[in-house]
Amino acid sequence: MNRTLKLLVFSDIFVLTGFGLISPIMAVFIKENLIGGTIAAIGIAAAITTLIRCILQLVFAYIAKPNHRYAMAITGTFIIMTVPFIYLFSTNVTHIYLAALVNGIGAGLANPAWFSLFAANLKKNARGWEWSIYSSSVGIGTAIAAFVGAQLATRFGFQPVFIAVGVLSFVGCLILLGLTKKEIADHEIKTVSAKQKLHSSHH
């Protein structure tokens, strides 16, 4: 794995592992602690996030240029980072819907950039291996976080867990700052050069 891939993987480990802390407790938090919290509200919040993410990632992937990927990845991750702090101060289910909307916007912005950067930096003969490293690392981290998050919420309540998620997401955002515009630009030049050579070899 090159440096860019490592930064992308470590960033996602922190962000997704952080959110893994709250995945097993959100339903209980919404239903038992918020005004208007119901099982239906849990499904509505999930639907908002998924729908907004799916629509926006198509829009951003279509209109964005390669040199926008750095800003998109950073900005989207930063937006996602604010979600657990919205949870922290939530008193009714409307706040959860707002958090779901913000989460969808952040993911819709970050996902196209993240996947584009990741795919562009895969080694030609090790793509499956490098994707598997990412998937397994994030999966193991999320699994551990789900267990830990439930234990923390049981012992200390929801607020410390939300703070922990926010901190982990912030670290993930800082890791992405390790990606430099120059690094991405250099890779774009190499990619364009390789495409030109491939094109010329067919003529």
Protein backbone atom coordinates (compact mmCIF):
# COMPACT_ATOMS: atom_id res chain seq x y z
CA MET A 1 0.00 0.00 0.00
CA ASN A 2 1.24 3.46 -0.84
CA ARG A 3 1.03 6.39 1.55
CA THR A 4 -2.28 7.69 0.16
CA LEU A 5 -4.02 4.35 0.61
CA LYS A 6 -2.74 4.00 4.17
CA LEU A 7 -4.05 7.45 5.10
CA LEU A 8 -7.44 6.69 3.54
CA VAL A 9 -7.70 3.36 5.36
CA PHE A 10 -6.65 4.76 8.75
CA SER A 11 -9.04 7.68 8.36
CA ASP A 12 -11.97 5.39 7.66
CA ILE A 13 -11.01 3.09 10.52
CA PHE A 14 -11.32 5.99 12.96
CA VAL A 15 -14.49 7.43 11.46
CA LEU A 16 -16.39 4.18 10.91
CA THR A 17 -15.13 2.60 14.11
CA GLY A 18 -16.29 5.70 15.93
CA PHE A 19 -19.78 5.40 14.52
CA GLY A 20 -19.64 1.70 15.28
CA LEU A 21 -19.65 2.67 18.96
CA ILE A 22 -23.18 4.01 18.66
CA SER A 23 -24.70 1.61 16.14
CA PRO A 24 -26.04 -0.82 18.78
CA ILE A 25 -27.40 1.88 21.10
CA MET A 26 -29.01 4.47 18.82
CA ALA A 27 -32.38 2.75 18.73
CA VAL A 28 -32.53 2.68 22.53
CA PHE A 29 -31.33 6.28 22.76
CA ILE A 30 -33.97 7.56 20.34
CA LYS A 31 -36.85 5.55 21.76
CA GLU A 32 -36.20 6.07 25.47
CA ASN A 33 -34.52 9.46 25.71
CA LEU A 34 -36.00 11.78 23.10
CA ILE A 35 -39.36 13.48 22.83
CA GLY A 36 -41.24 11.84 19.97
CA GLY A 37 -38.81 8.94 19.80
CA THR A 38 -40.44 5.85 18.32
CA ILE A 39 -39.43 2.78 16.35
CA ALA A 40 -40.78 4.52 13.25
CA ALA A 41 -38.53 7.52 13.93
CA ILE A 42 -35.50 5.22 13.90
CA GLY A 43 -36.42 3.99 10.43
CA ILE A 44 -37.14 7.51 9.18
CA ALA A 45 -33.74 8.75 10.32
CA ALA A 46 -31.98 5.85 8.59
CA ALA A 47 -33.98 6.46 5.43
CA ILE A 48 -33.09 10.17 5.41
CA THR A 49 -29.37 9.47 5.65
CA THR A 50 -29.40 6.76 3.00
CA LEU A 51 -31.57 8.66 0.53
CA ILE A 52 -29.61 11.92 0.80
CA ARG A 53 -26.29 10.07 0.54
CA CYS A 54 -27.33 8.06 -2.52
CA ILE A 55 -28.63 11.11 -4.37
CA LEU A 56 -25.80 13.49 -3.52
CA GLN A 57 -22.95 11.09 -4.18
CA LEU A 58 -24.25 10.64 -7.72
CA VAL A 59 -24.53 14.40 -8.16
CA PHE A 60 -21.08 15.16 -6.74
CA ALA A 61 -19.43 12.29 -8.61
CA TYR A 62 -20.89 13.61 -11.86
CA ILE A 63 -20.06 17.31 -11.48
CA ALA A 64 -16.80 17.15 -9.56
CA LYS A 65 -13.43 17.34 -11.27
CA PRO A 66 -10.43 15.24 -10.20
CA ASN A 67 -8.76 18.23 -8.55
CA HIS A 68 -11.82 18.65 -6.31
CA ARG A 69 -11.33 15.30 -4.60
CA TYR A 70 -9.07 16.57 -1.84
CA ALA A 71 -11.51 19.29 -0.74
CA MET A 72 -14.50 16.97 -1.09
CA ALA A 73 -12.97 14.25 1.08
CA ILE A 74 -11.92 16.68 3.81
CA THR A 75 -15.15 18.70 3.80
CA GLY A 76 -17.42 15.65 3.72
CA THR A 77 -15.57 13.97 6.59
CA PHE A 78 -15.67 17.18 8.62
CA ILE A 79 -19.44 17.41 8.11
CA ILE A 80 -19.85 13.79 9.23
CA MET A 81 -17.75 14.59 12.30
CA THR A 82 -20.42 17.02 13.54
CA VAL A 83 -23.15 14.36 13.67
CA PRO A 84 -22.32 12.83 17.09
CA PHE A 85 -22.26 16.31 18.61
CA ILE A 86 -25.80 16.87 17.30
CA TYR A 87 -26.73 13.62 19.04
CA LEU A 88 -25.08 14.90 22.21
CA PHE A 89 -27.39 17.92 22.44
CA SER A 90 -30.53 16.27 21.06
CA THR A 91 -33.71 16.52 23.11
CA ASN A 92 -36.34 15.49 20.56
CA VAL A 93 -36.57 13.36 17.46
CA THR A 94 -36.39 16.38 15.14
CA HIS A 95 -32.75 16.80 16.10
CA ILE A 96 -32.09 13.21 15.06
CA TYR A 97 -33.65 13.91 11.67
CA LEU A 98 -31.33 16.92 11.36
CA ALA A 99 -28.34 14.73 12.25
CA ALA A 100 -29.48 12.18 9.66
CA LEU A 101 -29.66 14.91 7.02
CA VAL A 102 -26.20 16.23 7.91
CA ASN A 103 -24.78 12.70 7.86
CA GLY A 104 -26.23 12.08 4.41
CA ILE A 105 -24.81 15.35 3.06
CA GLY A 106 -21.34 14.60 4.46
CA ALA A 107 -21.30 11.05 3.13
CA GLY A 108 -22.65 12.16 -0.24
CA LEU A 109 -19.77 14.61 -0.53
CA ALA A 110 -16.99 12.43 0.87
CA ASN A 111 -17.81 9.06 -0.70
CA PRO A 112 -17.14 9.85 -4.39
CA ALA A 113 -13.84 11.52 -3.51
CA TRP A 114 -12.76 8.76 -1.13
CA PHE A 115 -13.55 5.90 -3.51
CA SER A 116 -11.98 7.73 -6.43
CA LEU A 117 -8.76 8.37 -4.52
CA PHE A 118 -8.67 4.82 -3.20
CA ALA A 119 -9.28 3.17 -6.57
CA ALA A 120 -6.76 5.41 -8.31
CA ASN A 121 -3.99 4.39 -5.89
CA LEU A 122 -4.49 0.63 -5.94
CA LYS A 123 -1.57 -1.43 -7.20
CA LYS A 124 -2.41 -3.09 -10.49
CA ASN A 125 -1.61 -6.62 -9.33
CA ALA A 126 -2.80 -6.23 -5.74
CA ARG A 127 -6.20 -4.57 -6.01
CA GLY A 128 -8.16 -7.40 -4.42
CA TRP A 129 -5.65 -7.69 -1.58
CA GLU A 130 -5.64 -3.97 -0.83
CA TRP A 131 -9.44 -3.73 -0.93
CA SER A 132 -9.57 -6.73 1.41
CA ILE A 133 -7.14 -5.09 3.85
CA TYR A 134 -9.43 -2.05 3.96
CA SER A 135 -12.63 -4.06 4.32
CA SER A 136 -11.26 -6.35 7.03
CA SER A 137 -9.63 -3.53 9.00
CA VAL A 138 -12.79 -1.44 9.06
CA GLY A 139 -15.00 -4.49 9.70
CA ILE A 140 -12.96 -5.70 12.67
CA GLY A 141 -12.77 -2.19 14.10
CA THR A 142 -16.51 -1.70 13.76
CA ALA A 143 -17.28 -5.08 15.34
CA ILE A 144 -15.11 -4.30 18.36
CA ALA A 145 -16.59 -0.81 18.59
CA ALA A 146 -20.16 -2.16 18.63
CA PHE A 147 -19.33 -4.27 21.68
CA VAL A 148 -17.40 -1.51 23.43
CA GLY A 149 -20.05 1.11 22.68
CA ALA A 150 -22.79 -0.97 24.27
CA GLN A 151 -20.67 -1.52 27.37
CA LEU A 152 -19.80 2.17 27.68
CA ALA A 153 -23.41 3.26 27.30
CA THR A 154 -24.52 0.76 29.93
CA ARG A 155 -21.96 1.96 32.46
CA PHE A 156 -21.62 5.68 31.73
CA GLY A 157 -24.63 6.70 29.68
CA PHE A 158 -24.96 7.94 26.13
CA GLN A 159 -23.19 11.30 26.32
CA PRO A 160 -19.64 9.96 26.85
CA VAL A 161 -20.14 7.61 23.90
CA PHE A 162 -21.21 10.46 21.62
CA ILE A 163 -18.18 12.48 22.69
CA ALA A 164 -15.91 9.51 21.97
CA VAL A 165 -17.44 9.15 18.49
CA GLY A 166 -16.88 12.83 17.80
CA VAL A 167 -13.25 12.61 18.91
CA LEU A 168 -12.55 9.52 16.81
CA SER A 169 -14.19 11.14 13.78
CA PHE A 170 -12.11 14.27 14.32
CA VAL A 171 -8.94 12.15 14.35
CA GLY A 172 -10.09 10.52 11.11
CA CYS A 173 -10.53 13.98 9.59
CA LEU A 174 -7.05 15.03 10.75
CA ILE A 175 -5.56 11.93 9.15
CA LEU A 176 -7.09 12.95 5.81
CA LEU A 177 -5.34 16.30 6.14
CA GLY A 178 -2.16 14.27 5.67
CA LEU A 179 -3.18 13.98 2.04
CA THR A 180 -1.66 16.92 0.25
CA LYS A 181 -2.96 18.61 -2.85
CA LYS A 182 0.49 18.15 -4.39
CA GLU A 183 0.37 14.41 -3.75
CA ILE A 184 -3.03 14.13 -5.42
CA ALA A 185 -1.99 16.40 -8.28
CA ASP A 186 1.16 14.34 -8.90
CA HIS A 187 -0.93 11.20 -9.06
CA GLU A 188 -3.32 12.85 -11.51
CA ILE A 189 -0.38 13.72 -13.78
CA LYS A 190 0.84 10.12 -13.66
CA THR A 191 -2.66 8.81 -14.38
CA VAL A 192 -3.14 11.12 -17.36
CA SER A 193 0.32 10.23 -18.68
CA ALA A 194 -0.43 6.51 -18.40
CA LYS A 195 -3.73 6.96 -20.24
CA GLN A 196 -2.01 8.91 -23.02
CA LYS A 197 0.60 6.19 -23.42
CA LEU A 198 -2.10 3.53 -23.54
CA HIS A 199 -4.05 5.54 -26.10
CA SER A 200 -1.01 6.11 -28.30
CA SER A 201 -0.11 2.40 -28.20
CA HIS A 202 -3.41 1.61 -29.90
CA HIS A 203 -2.62 3.87 -32.88
